[in-house]
Amino acid sequence: MDLDEAITVTKIVTKTEWYYLLIGWQTNSFEMYLYTKEKLWKGRFSQNRLASFSRNLQITEKDYLNKLKNCLTQQRRDYVYEFKSGFFYWKRRDADAVIIEGFLPVEKDTSPKIKQPDLVEVLLGLNKQLTRKAYHWEQKCKNMFKEYHRCLKDTEEFLNLKIDMEKALCEKFLNLLNLKKSRVTCDQGDKKNVKYSHMKDLLAMNFNSH
Protein backbone atom coordinates (compact mmCIF):
# COMPACT_ATOMS: atom_id res chain seq x y z
CA MET A 1 0.00 0.00 0.00
CA ASP A 2 1.43 3.38 -1.01
CA LEU A 3 1.84 6.18 1.51
CA ASP A 4 -1.00 8.22 -0.02
CA GLU A 5 -3.26 5.17 0.31
CA ALA A 6 -2.11 4.22 3.82
CA ILE A 7 -2.49 7.76 5.19
CA THR A 8 -5.24 10.20 4.22
CA VAL A 9 -6.01 13.74 5.36
CA THR A 10 -9.51 15.11 4.81
CA LYS A 11 -11.20 18.36 5.76
CA ILE A 12 -14.67 17.65 7.15
CA VAL A 13 -17.24 20.37 7.76
CA THR A 14 -20.04 19.78 10.26
CA LYS A 15 -22.96 22.01 11.25
CA THR A 16 -20.92 23.71 13.97
CA GLU A 17 -17.27 23.44 13.02
CA TRP A 18 -14.71 22.08 10.59
CA TYR A 19 -12.13 19.39 11.35
CA TYR A 20 -9.21 17.62 9.74
CA LEU A 21 -9.28 13.83 9.80
CA LEU A 22 -5.91 12.13 9.69
CA ILE A 23 -6.43 8.40 9.18
CA GLY A 24 -3.86 5.63 9.11
CA TRP A 25 -5.45 2.78 7.18
CA GLN A 26 -4.65 -0.86 7.90
CA THR A 27 -6.03 -4.07 6.41
CA ASN A 28 -9.09 -4.40 8.66
CA SER A 29 -8.85 -1.37 10.93
CA PHE A 30 -7.67 2.23 11.10
CA GLU A 31 -6.45 4.88 13.51
CA MET A 32 -8.04 8.31 13.41
CA TYR A 33 -6.72 11.67 14.55
CA LEU A 34 -9.29 14.44 14.62
CA TYR A 35 -7.80 17.94 14.58
CA THR A 36 -9.89 20.81 15.90
CA LYS A 37 -8.71 24.41 16.07
CA GLU A 38 -7.02 23.88 19.43
CA LYS A 39 -7.20 20.19 20.36
CA LEU A 40 -6.35 16.80 18.99
CA TRP A 41 -8.57 13.77 19.44
CA LYS A 42 -7.70 10.21 18.61
CA GLY A 43 -9.43 6.84 18.35
CA ARG A 44 -8.95 3.38 16.91
CA PHE A 45 -11.50 1.62 14.72
CA SER A 46 -10.77 -2.03 15.51
CA GLN A 47 -11.45 -5.15 13.47
CA ASN A 48 -14.19 -6.13 15.97
CA ARG A 49 -15.92 -2.80 15.39
CA LEU A 50 -15.61 -3.32 11.64
CA ALA A 51 -17.24 -6.76 11.93
CA SER A 52 -20.03 -5.41 14.16
CA PHE A 53 -21.02 -2.51 11.87
CA SER A 54 -20.83 -4.65 8.72
CA ARG A 55 -23.22 -7.16 10.33
CA ASN A 56 -25.62 -4.37 11.29
CA LEU A 57 -25.66 -3.12 7.70
CA GLN A 58 -25.80 -6.70 6.36
CA ILE A 59 -22.81 -6.30 4.08
CA THR A 60 -19.37 -7.89 3.98
CA GLU A 61 -16.46 -6.45 5.93
CA LYS A 62 -14.69 -5.67 2.66
CA ASP A 63 -17.69 -3.71 1.35
CA TYR A 64 -18.04 -1.85 4.63
CA LEU A 65 -14.36 -0.93 4.62
CA ASN A 66 -14.78 0.44 1.10
CA LYS A 67 -17.74 2.49 2.34
CA LEU A 68 -15.58 3.85 5.14
CA LYS A 69 -12.85 4.89 2.74
CA ASN A 70 -15.39 6.54 0.45
CA CYS A 71 -16.99 8.64 3.16
CA LEU A 72 -13.95 9.40 5.35
CA THR A 73 -11.44 10.35 2.65
CA GLN A 74 -13.66 13.07 1.17
CA GLN A 75 -16.53 15.33 2.19
CA ARG A 76 -19.55 13.64 0.66
CA ARG A 77 -22.85 15.41 0.14
CA ASP A 78 -24.84 12.26 0.83
CA TYR A 79 -23.30 11.97 4.30
CA VAL A 80 -23.72 13.91 7.52
CA TYR A 81 -20.73 14.21 9.85
CA GLU A 82 -21.07 14.97 13.53
CA PHE A 83 -18.73 15.24 16.50
CA LYS A 84 -20.30 15.39 19.93
CA SER A 85 -19.74 14.04 23.45
CA GLY A 86 -16.49 12.33 22.49
CA PHE A 87 -17.97 10.45 19.50
CA PHE A 88 -17.42 11.05 15.80
CA TYR A 89 -20.39 9.94 13.64
CA TRP A 90 -20.84 9.44 9.92
CA LYS A 91 -24.43 9.11 8.73
CA ARG A 92 -25.76 8.46 5.24
CA ARG A 93 -28.71 10.43 3.94
CA ASP A 94 -31.45 8.16 2.64
CA ALA A 95 -34.72 9.17 0.96
CA ASP A 96 -36.61 10.05 4.15
CA ALA A 97 -34.11 9.19 6.85
CA VAL A 98 -30.52 9.44 8.03
CA ILE A 99 -28.80 6.11 8.64
CA ILE A 100 -25.92 5.90 11.12
CA GLU A 101 -23.34 3.87 9.27
CA GLY A 102 -20.72 4.15 11.97
CA PHE A 103 -19.25 6.05 14.88
CA LEU A 104 -15.98 6.06 16.75
CA PRO A 105 -15.28 7.05 20.35
CA VAL A 106 -12.32 9.43 20.51
CA GLU A 107 -10.36 10.88 23.39
CA LYS A 108 -8.17 13.91 23.77
CA ASP A 109 -4.54 13.35 22.99
CA THR A 110 -2.80 14.64 26.12
CA SER A 111 0.69 13.70 24.99
CA PRO A 112 3.23 16.52 24.56
CA LYS A 113 2.78 18.54 21.39
CA ILE A 114 6.12 17.41 20.07
CA LYS A 115 4.99 13.75 20.16
CA GLN A 116 1.69 14.37 18.40
CA PRO A 117 1.40 13.80 14.65
CA ASP A 118 2.28 17.09 12.93
CA LEU A 119 -0.44 17.66 10.33
CA VAL A 120 1.74 20.00 8.26
CA GLU A 121 4.58 17.48 8.11
CA VAL A 122 2.16 14.72 7.15
CA LEU A 123 0.72 16.86 4.36
CA LEU A 124 4.22 17.71 3.11
CA GLY A 125 5.10 14.00 3.10
CA LEU A 126 1.94 13.14 1.19
CA ASN A 127 2.64 15.93 -1.28
CA LYS A 128 6.14 14.55 -1.94
CA GLN A 129 4.72 11.08 -2.42
CA LEU A 130 2.07 12.33 -4.84
CA THR A 131 4.70 14.38 -6.70
CA ARG A 132 6.89 11.28 -7.11
CA LYS A 133 3.90 9.24 -8.22
CA ALA A 134 2.86 11.94 -10.71
CA TYR A 135 6.42 12.01 -12.11
CA HIS A 136 6.43 8.21 -12.39
CA TRP A 137 3.16 8.20 -14.35
CA GLU A 138 4.32 11.13 -16.46
CA GLN A 139 7.44 9.19 -17.48
CA LYS A 140 5.36 6.08 -18.10
CA CYS A 141 3.00 8.05 -20.34
CA LYS A 142 5.96 9.50 -22.25
CA ASN A 143 7.40 6.03 -22.80
CA MET A 144 4.01 4.73 -23.93
CA PHE A 145 3.73 7.70 -26.32
CA LYS A 146 7.18 6.93 -27.75
CA GLU A 147 6.30 3.26 -28.10
CA TYR A 148 3.04 4.19 -29.82
CA HIS A 149 4.85 6.36 -32.37
CA ARG A 150 7.46 3.64 -32.93
CA CYS A 151 4.71 1.09 -33.58
CA LEU A 152 2.91 3.58 -35.82
CA LYS A 153 6.09 4.14 -37.82
CA ASP A 154 6.67 0.37 -38.14
CA THR A 155 3.07 -0.07 -39.26
CA GLU A 156 3.42 2.66 -41.89
CA GLU A 157 6.63 1.09 -43.18
CA PHE A 158 4.95 -2.31 -43.34
CA LEU A 159 1.97 -0.87 -45.23
CA ASN A 160 4.26 0.92 -47.69
CA LEU A 161 6.21 -2.31 -48.22
CA LYS A 162 2.95 -4.20 -48.74
CA ILE A 163 1.77 -1.63 -51.29
CA ASP A 164 5.10 -1.81 -53.16
CA MET A 165 4.96 -5.61 -53.23
CA GLU A 166 1.38 -5.55 -54.52
CA LYS A 167 2.39 -3.08 -57.24
CA ALA A 168 5.32 -5.28 -58.24
CA LEU A 169 3.10 -8.37 -58.37
CA CYS A 170 0.53 -6.51 -60.48
CA GLU A 171 3.23 -5.36 -62.89
CA LYS A 172 4.57 -8.91 -63.20
CA PHE A 173 1.08 -10.24 -63.78
CA LEU A 174 0.41 -7.63 -66.48
CA ASN A 175 3.76 -8.39 -68.12
CA LEU A 176 2.89 -12.09 -68.18
CA LEU A 177 -0.51 -11.32 -69.72
CA ASN A 178 1.07 -9.11 -72.38
CA LEU A 179 3.70 -11.75 -73.11
CA LYS A 180 1.06 -14.45 -73.47
CA LYS A 181 -1.03 -12.15 -75.66
CA SER A 182 1.91 -11.42 -77.93
CA ARG A 183 2.71 -15.14 -78.21
CA VAL A 184 -0.88 -15.92 -79.14
CA THR A 185 -0.78 -13.17 -81.79
CA CYS A 186 2.48 -14.52 -83.21
CA ASP A 187 1.13 -18.08 -83.33
CA GLN A 188 -1.98 -16.90 -85.16
CA GLY A 189 0.19 -14.95 -87.62
CA ASP A 190 2.38 -17.97 -88.25
CA LYS A 191 -0.67 -20.15 -88.93
CA LYS A 192 -1.99 -17.60 -91.44
CA ASN A 193 1.37 -17.50 -93.18
CA VAL A 194 1.48 -21.30 -93.33
CA LYS A 195 -2.00 -21.45 -94.86
CA TYR A 196 -1.14 -18.71 -97.35
CA SER A 197 2.07 -20.47 -98.41
CA HIS A 198 0.27 -23.80 -98.77
CA MET A 199 -2.38 -22.20 -101.00
CA LYS A 200 0.33 -20.68 -103.17
CA ASP A 201 1.95 -24.08 -103.58
CA LEU A 202 -1.34 -25.69 -104.57
CA LEU A 203 -2.06 -22.96 -107.11
CA ALA A 204 1.40 -23.33 -108.56
CA MET A 205 1.02 -27.08 -108.92
CA ASN A 206 -2.32 -26.71 -110.67
CA PHE A 207 -0.94 -24.09 -113.00
CA ASN A 208 2.06 -26.21 -113.94
CA SER A 209 -0.09 -29.27 -114.62
CA HIS A 210 -1.99 -27.36 -117.26
Foldseek 3Di string as FASTA:
>chain_A
DDLCVQWAWEWEQAPPAIWIWIWGDDDQWIKIWIDGPPFIKIFIGDNVNLVVLCVVVVHDSVVLVVVCCVPRRYPDPQWHWDDDPQKTWIWGHDDPDIHTSDMTGIDTDPDDPVPDDDPVVSVVVSVVRVVVVVVVVVVVVVVVVVVVVVVVVVVVVVVVVVVVVVVVVVVVVVVVVVVVVVVVVVVVVVVVVVVVVVVVVVVVVVVVVD
